[in-house]
Amino acid sequence: MPQRQGDIAMRTPSKSLLIEKYINERVGQDIKPDQIAQATDCTIQSVYLFIRKNPQRFTKVTRGTFKINPANNQVFSNNEGTI
């Protein structure tokens, strides 16, 4: 449900953005999907869907435990600057 601020209805951030922000702060750590779900107030199904759609961000350590990998947001430069 959207949050209301004055007369303007504001949407809450998407689940993907909340999960992305959370894991970006914990790169290199081993974490369980239920920990992400609790911290981001998302369902466990949403977390597993995020993991399936972003496999490059996770490495399976053991059953139910994943290591968080850094994002691949690389900046490429050429003669005119960055792309």
N, C-alpha and C. Protein backbone atom coordinates (compact mmCIF):
# COMPACT_ATOMS: atom_id res chain seq x y z
N MET A 1 0.84 -1.17 0.00
CA MET A 1 0.00 0.00 0.00
C MET A 1 0.89 1.24 0.00
N PRO A 2 0.58 2.23 -0.84
CA PRO A 2 1.42 3.42 -0.89
C PRO A 2 1.38 4.21 0.41
N GLN A 3 2.50 4.81 0.72
CA GLN A 3 2.55 5.70 1.87
C GLN A 3 2.01 7.06 1.45
N ARG A 4 1.42 7.78 2.39
CA ARG A 4 0.88 9.10 2.06
C ARG A 4 1.72 10.17 2.74
N GLN A 5 2.08 11.15 1.97
CA GLN A 5 2.82 12.29 2.49
C GLN A 5 2.08 13.52 2.02
N GLY A 6 1.36 14.16 2.93
CA GLY A 6 0.51 15.28 2.52
C GLY A 6 -0.59 14.75 1.64
N ASP A 7 -0.76 15.33 0.47
CA ASP A 7 -1.77 14.88 -0.48
C ASP A 7 -1.19 14.00 -1.57
N ILE A 8 0.10 13.67 -1.47
CA ILE A 8 0.76 12.91 -2.52
C ILE A 8 0.96 11.47 -2.03
N ALA A 9 0.50 10.51 -2.82
CA ALA A 9 0.71 9.11 -2.49
C ALA A 9 2.10 8.72 -2.97
N MET A 10 2.90 8.17 -2.05
CA MET A 10 4.26 7.77 -2.38
C MET A 10 4.35 6.26 -2.33
N ARG A 11 4.93 5.64 -3.35
CA ARG A 11 5.12 4.20 -3.36
C ARG A 11 6.31 3.83 -2.48
N THR A 12 6.21 2.68 -1.86
CA THR A 12 7.36 2.18 -1.12
C THR A 12 8.36 1.65 -2.14
N PRO A 13 9.65 1.64 -1.80
CA PRO A 13 10.65 1.13 -2.76
C PRO A 13 10.34 -0.32 -3.13
N SER A 14 10.70 -0.69 -4.35
CA SER A 14 10.43 -2.06 -4.79
C SER A 14 11.25 -3.04 -3.97
N LYS A 15 10.77 -4.27 -3.92
CA LYS A 15 11.47 -5.30 -3.16
C LYS A 15 12.87 -5.51 -3.70
N SER A 16 13.01 -5.49 -5.02
CA SER A 16 14.33 -5.69 -5.63
C SER A 16 15.31 -4.62 -5.19
N LEU A 17 14.85 -3.37 -5.14
CA LEU A 17 15.73 -2.29 -4.70
C LEU A 17 16.12 -2.44 -3.24
N LEU A 18 15.18 -2.87 -2.41
CA LEU A 18 15.48 -3.08 -0.99
C LEU A 18 16.50 -4.20 -0.82
N ILE A 19 16.31 -5.30 -1.54
CA ILE A 19 17.24 -6.42 -1.45
C ILE A 19 18.61 -6.03 -1.99
N GLU A 20 18.62 -5.32 -3.12
CA GLU A 20 19.87 -4.87 -3.73
C GLU A 20 20.67 -3.99 -2.76
N LYS A 21 19.99 -3.05 -2.13
CA LYS A 21 20.65 -2.16 -1.17
C LYS A 21 21.22 -2.96 0.00
N TYR A 22 20.44 -3.90 0.50
CA TYR A 22 20.85 -4.71 1.64
C TYR A 22 22.10 -5.54 1.31
N ILE A 23 22.09 -6.21 0.16
CA ILE A 23 23.24 -7.07 -0.16
C ILE A 23 24.47 -6.24 -0.55
N ASN A 24 24.27 -5.05 -1.11
CA ASN A 24 25.41 -4.20 -1.45
C ASN A 24 26.19 -3.79 -0.20
N GLU A 25 25.51 -3.72 0.93
CA GLU A 25 26.16 -3.37 2.20
C GLU A 25 26.84 -4.57 2.84
N ARG A 26 26.64 -5.78 2.28
CA ARG A 26 27.16 -6.99 2.89
C ARG A 26 27.94 -7.87 1.91
N VAL A 27 28.60 -7.26 0.96
CA VAL A 27 29.38 -8.01 -0.04
C VAL A 27 30.47 -8.81 0.66
N GLY A 28 30.61 -10.08 0.26
CA GLY A 28 31.62 -10.96 0.83
C GLY A 28 31.14 -11.76 2.02
N GLN A 29 29.98 -11.44 2.55
CA GLN A 29 29.46 -12.16 3.70
C GLN A 29 28.65 -13.37 3.28
N ASP A 30 28.63 -14.38 4.15
CA ASP A 30 27.74 -15.53 3.96
C ASP A 30 26.42 -15.19 4.63
N ILE A 31 25.33 -15.45 3.92
CA ILE A 31 24.03 -15.06 4.44
C ILE A 31 22.97 -16.05 3.99
N LYS A 32 21.92 -16.17 4.76
CA LYS A 32 20.80 -17.05 4.43
C LYS A 32 19.64 -16.20 3.90
N PRO A 33 18.89 -16.73 2.95
CA PRO A 33 17.77 -15.97 2.39
C PRO A 33 16.76 -15.48 3.43
N ASP A 34 16.55 -16.26 4.48
CA ASP A 34 15.59 -15.80 5.49
C ASP A 34 16.09 -14.57 6.24
N GLN A 35 17.41 -14.42 6.36
CA GLN A 35 17.97 -13.21 6.97
C GLN A 35 17.68 -11.99 6.10
N ILE A 36 17.83 -12.16 4.79
CA ILE A 36 17.54 -11.06 3.86
C ILE A 36 16.07 -10.71 3.93
N ALA A 37 15.21 -11.73 3.95
CA ALA A 37 13.76 -11.51 4.00
C ALA A 37 13.36 -10.73 5.25
N GLN A 38 13.90 -11.11 6.38
CA GLN A 38 13.57 -10.41 7.63
C GLN A 38 14.07 -8.97 7.62
N ALA A 39 15.29 -8.77 7.14
CA ALA A 39 15.90 -7.44 7.17
C ALA A 39 15.22 -6.47 6.20
N THR A 40 14.72 -7.00 5.09
CA THR A 40 14.12 -6.13 4.06
C THR A 40 12.60 -6.14 4.10
N ASP A 41 12.02 -6.90 5.01
CA ASP A 41 10.57 -7.02 5.14
C ASP A 41 9.93 -7.53 3.84
N CYS A 42 10.60 -8.48 3.21
CA CYS A 42 10.11 -9.13 1.99
C CYS A 42 9.80 -10.59 2.33
N THR A 43 9.08 -11.24 1.44
CA THR A 43 8.82 -12.66 1.64
C THR A 43 10.04 -13.46 1.21
N ILE A 44 10.15 -14.67 1.74
CA ILE A 44 11.26 -15.55 1.36
C ILE A 44 11.18 -15.88 -0.13
N GLN A 45 9.96 -15.96 -0.67
CA GLN A 45 9.78 -16.23 -2.10
C GLN A 45 10.37 -15.10 -2.94
N SER A 46 10.20 -13.86 -2.50
CA SER A 46 10.76 -12.71 -3.21
C SER A 46 12.28 -12.76 -3.21
N VAL A 47 12.86 -13.18 -2.09
CA VAL A 47 14.32 -13.27 -1.99
C VAL A 47 14.84 -14.36 -2.93
N TYR A 48 14.21 -15.53 -2.93
CA TYR A 48 14.64 -16.60 -3.83
C TYR A 48 14.46 -16.20 -5.30
N LEU A 49 13.41 -15.47 -5.61
CA LEU A 49 13.21 -14.98 -6.97
C LEU A 49 14.34 -14.02 -7.35
N PHE A 50 14.74 -13.14 -6.44
CA PHE A 50 15.85 -12.22 -6.68
C PHE A 50 17.14 -13.00 -6.92
N ILE A 51 17.37 -14.04 -6.11
CA ILE A 51 18.58 -14.85 -6.27
C ILE A 51 18.60 -15.54 -7.63
N ARG A 52 17.45 -16.07 -8.05
CA ARG A 52 17.38 -16.74 -9.37
C ARG A 52 17.59 -15.76 -10.51
N LYS A 53 17.11 -14.52 -10.38
CA LYS A 53 17.25 -13.53 -11.45
C LYS A 53 18.61 -12.86 -11.44
N ASN A 54 19.36 -12.98 -10.35
CA ASN A 54 20.67 -12.35 -10.22
C ASN A 54 21.71 -13.36 -9.73
N PRO A 55 21.91 -14.45 -10.47
CA PRO A 55 22.83 -15.49 -9.99
C PRO A 55 24.28 -15.03 -9.86
N GLN A 56 24.66 -14.00 -10.60
CA GLN A 56 26.04 -13.50 -10.53
C GLN A 56 26.33 -12.84 -9.18
N ARG A 57 25.31 -12.47 -8.44
CA ARG A 57 25.50 -11.80 -7.15
C ARG A 57 25.67 -12.78 -5.99
N PHE A 58 25.47 -14.09 -6.25
CA PHE A 58 25.50 -15.07 -5.17
C PHE A 58 26.32 -16.30 -5.56
N THR A 59 27.03 -16.84 -4.59
CA THR A 59 27.72 -18.11 -4.74
C THR A 59 27.20 -19.01 -3.62
N LYS A 60 26.75 -20.21 -3.99
CA LYS A 60 26.22 -21.13 -2.99
C LYS A 60 27.37 -21.67 -2.15
N VAL A 61 27.28 -21.53 -0.84
CA VAL A 61 28.30 -22.00 0.08
C VAL A 61 27.90 -23.39 0.59
N THR A 62 26.76 -23.47 1.19
CA THR A 62 26.17 -24.73 1.63
C THR A 62 24.68 -24.64 1.34
N ARG A 63 23.97 -25.70 1.63
CA ARG A 63 22.53 -25.69 1.40
C ARG A 63 21.88 -24.57 2.22
N GLY A 64 21.26 -23.62 1.53
CA GLY A 64 20.57 -22.52 2.19
C GLY A 64 21.46 -21.36 2.60
N THR A 65 22.73 -21.39 2.25
CA THR A 65 23.65 -20.30 2.58
C THR A 65 24.36 -19.85 1.32
N PHE A 66 24.39 -18.54 1.13
CA PHE A 66 25.00 -17.96 -0.06
C PHE A 66 26.03 -16.91 0.34
N LYS A 67 27.08 -16.81 -0.47
CA LYS A 67 28.06 -15.73 -0.32
C LYS A 67 27.66 -14.62 -1.28
N ILE A 68 27.66 -13.40 -0.81
CA ILE A 68 27.25 -12.26 -1.64
C ILE A 68 28.44 -11.77 -2.44
N ASN A 69 28.28 -11.74 -3.75
CA ASN A 69 29.32 -11.26 -4.66
C ASN A 69 29.10 -9.78 -4.97
N PRO A 70 30.16 -9.06 -5.32
CA PRO A 70 30.00 -7.64 -5.68
C PRO A 70 29.23 -7.50 -6.99
N ALA A 71 28.60 -6.35 -7.15
CA ALA A 71 27.90 -6.05 -8.41
C ALA A 71 28.93 -5.82 -9.50
N ASN A 72 28.55 -6.14 -10.72
CA ASN A 72 29.46 -5.95 -11.85
C ASN A 72 29.19 -4.63 -12.56
N ASN A 73 29.08 -3.57 -11.80
CA ASN A 73 28.88 -2.24 -12.38
C ASN A 73 30.24 -1.66 -12.74
N GLN A 74 30.74 -2.03 -13.91
CA GLN A 74 32.05 -1.58 -14.33
C GLN A 74 31.92 -0.33 -15.18
N VAL A 75 32.89 0.54 -15.06
CA VAL A 75 32.93 1.75 -15.87
C VAL A 75 33.98 1.53 -16.95
N PHE A 76 33.58 1.69 -18.19
CA PHE A 76 34.49 1.54 -19.31
C PHE A 76 34.89 2.92 -19.79
N SER A 77 36.17 3.10 -20.06
CA SER A 77 36.61 4.41 -20.53
C SER A 77 37.17 4.27 -21.95
N ASN A 78 37.02 5.34 -22.69
CA ASN A 78 37.60 5.40 -24.03
C ASN A 78 38.26 6.76 -24.18
N ASN A 79 38.62 7.15 -25.39
CA ASN A 79 39.34 8.41 -25.60
C ASN A 79 38.49 9.63 -25.26
N GLU A 80 37.16 9.53 -25.40
CA GLU A 80 36.30 10.68 -25.13
C GLU A 80 35.84 10.73 -23.68
N GLY A 81 36.14 9.75 -22.87
CA GLY A 81 35.68 9.72 -21.49
C GLY A 81 35.12 8.36 -21.14
N THR A 82 34.16 8.33 -20.27
CA THR A 82 33.59 7.05 -19.85
C THR A 82 32.33 6.75 -20.62
N ILE A 83 32.03 5.49 -20.70
CA ILE A 83 30.81 5.04 -21.39
C ILE A 83 29.82 4.57 -20.34
